[in-house]
């Protein structure tokens, strides 16, 4: 509850920034669709759910990237090729 209180201003700022993104003809159609989907999604789920989900996805992508980098580096060492 305290974390929600601390993070709520950041979530409100994020919602405000997403709402201020102009949807016009000069943007790519895929970007316009993404923005409209984000606006609709923010009305169904609160911003903290989206922050948690995106943070979780980024965390696991970073872990997999780090493991891949370690395997790549260890592949160059002939005695530690990992099988």
Protein backbone atom coordinates (compact mmCIF):
# COMPACT_ATOMS: atom_id res chain seq x y z
CA UNK A 1 0.00 0.00 0.00
CA UNK A 2 2.87 2.35 0.73
CA UNK A 3 4.52 1.44 -2.56
CA UNK A 4 1.29 2.18 -4.39
CA UNK A 5 1.11 5.56 -2.67
CA UNK A 6 4.70 6.34 -3.63
CA UNK A 7 4.31 5.19 -7.24
CA UNK A 8 0.85 6.66 -7.94
CA UNK A 9 2.22 10.05 -9.12
CA UNK A 10 4.42 8.26 -11.66
CA UNK A 11 1.46 6.24 -12.92
CA UNK A 12 -0.63 9.39 -13.27
CA UNK A 13 2.18 11.06 -15.22
CA UNK A 14 2.43 8.01 -17.51
CA UNK A 15 -1.32 8.06 -18.11
CA UNK A 16 -1.18 11.78 -18.86
CA UNK A 17 1.67 11.36 -21.33
CA UNK A 18 -0.15 8.54 -23.15
CA UNK A 19 -3.32 10.63 -23.29
CA UNK A 20 -1.38 13.61 -24.73
CA UNK A 21 0.12 11.66 -27.64
CA UNK A 22 -1.55 13.09 -30.71
CA UNK A 23 -3.20 10.67 -33.06
CA UNK A 24 -2.89 12.19 -36.49
CA UNK A 25 -2.36 11.26 -40.08
CA UNK A 26 1.36 12.04 -39.92
CA UNK A 27 2.08 9.04 -37.67
CA UNK A 28 2.53 5.54 -39.02
CA UNK A 29 -0.70 3.51 -39.00
CA UNK A 30 0.80 0.82 -36.81
CA UNK A 31 1.83 3.46 -34.24
CA UNK A 32 -1.66 4.97 -34.29
CA UNK A 33 -3.15 1.51 -33.68
CA UNK A 34 -0.71 0.89 -30.81
CA UNK A 35 -1.56 4.22 -29.17
CA UNK A 36 -5.30 3.62 -29.45
CA UNK A 37 -4.85 0.12 -28.03
CA UNK A 38 -2.87 1.51 -25.09
CA UNK A 39 -5.54 4.11 -24.39
CA UNK A 40 -8.26 1.44 -24.41
CA UNK A 41 -6.18 -0.94 -22.29
CA UNK A 42 -5.47 1.76 -19.69
CA UNK A 43 -9.22 2.17 -19.21
CA UNK A 44 -9.68 -1.53 -18.33
CA UNK A 45 -6.62 -2.12 -16.14
CA UNK A 46 -4.86 0.37 -13.87
CA UNK A 47 -1.42 1.65 -14.72
CA UNK A 48 0.29 -0.34 -11.97
CA UNK A 49 -0.80 -3.61 -13.62
CA UNK A 50 0.75 -2.50 -16.91
CA UNK A 51 3.91 -1.29 -15.19
CA UNK A 52 4.27 -4.63 -13.41
CA UNK A 53 3.65 -6.63 -16.60
CA UNK A 54 6.06 -4.60 -18.74
CA UNK A 55 8.66 -4.63 -15.97
CA UNK A 56 8.34 -8.39 -15.62
CA UNK A 57 8.73 -8.93 -19.37
CA UNK A 58 11.76 -6.65 -19.53
CA UNK A 59 13.31 -8.44 -16.54
CA UNK A 60 13.04 -11.87 -18.16
CA UNK A 61 14.31 -10.58 -21.51
CA UNK A 62 17.33 -9.10 -19.72
CA UNK A 63 17.96 -12.39 -17.90
CA UNK A 64 17.83 -14.37 -21.14
CA UNK A 65 20.12 -11.86 -22.83
CA UNK A 66 22.60 -12.10 -19.97
CA UNK A 67 22.58 -15.91 -20.06
CA UNK A 68 23.10 -15.84 -23.82
CA UNK A 69 25.99 -13.42 -23.44
CA UNK A 70 27.63 -15.61 -20.79
CA UNK A 71 27.26 -18.70 -23.01
CA UNK A 72 28.69 -16.78 -25.95
CA UNK A 73 31.73 -15.64 -23.95
CA UNK A 74 32.30 -19.09 -22.48
CA UNK A 75 32.15 -20.55 -25.99
CA UNK A 76 35.36 -18.74 -26.86
CA UNK A 77 37.27 -20.37 -23.99
CA UNK A 78 38.30 -23.80 -25.35
CA UNK A 79 38.39 -25.59 -22.00
CA UNK A 80 35.01 -24.24 -20.84
CA UNK A 81 32.83 -24.78 -23.89
CA UNK A 82 30.00 -26.32 -21.86
CA UNK A 83 29.77 -29.54 -23.82
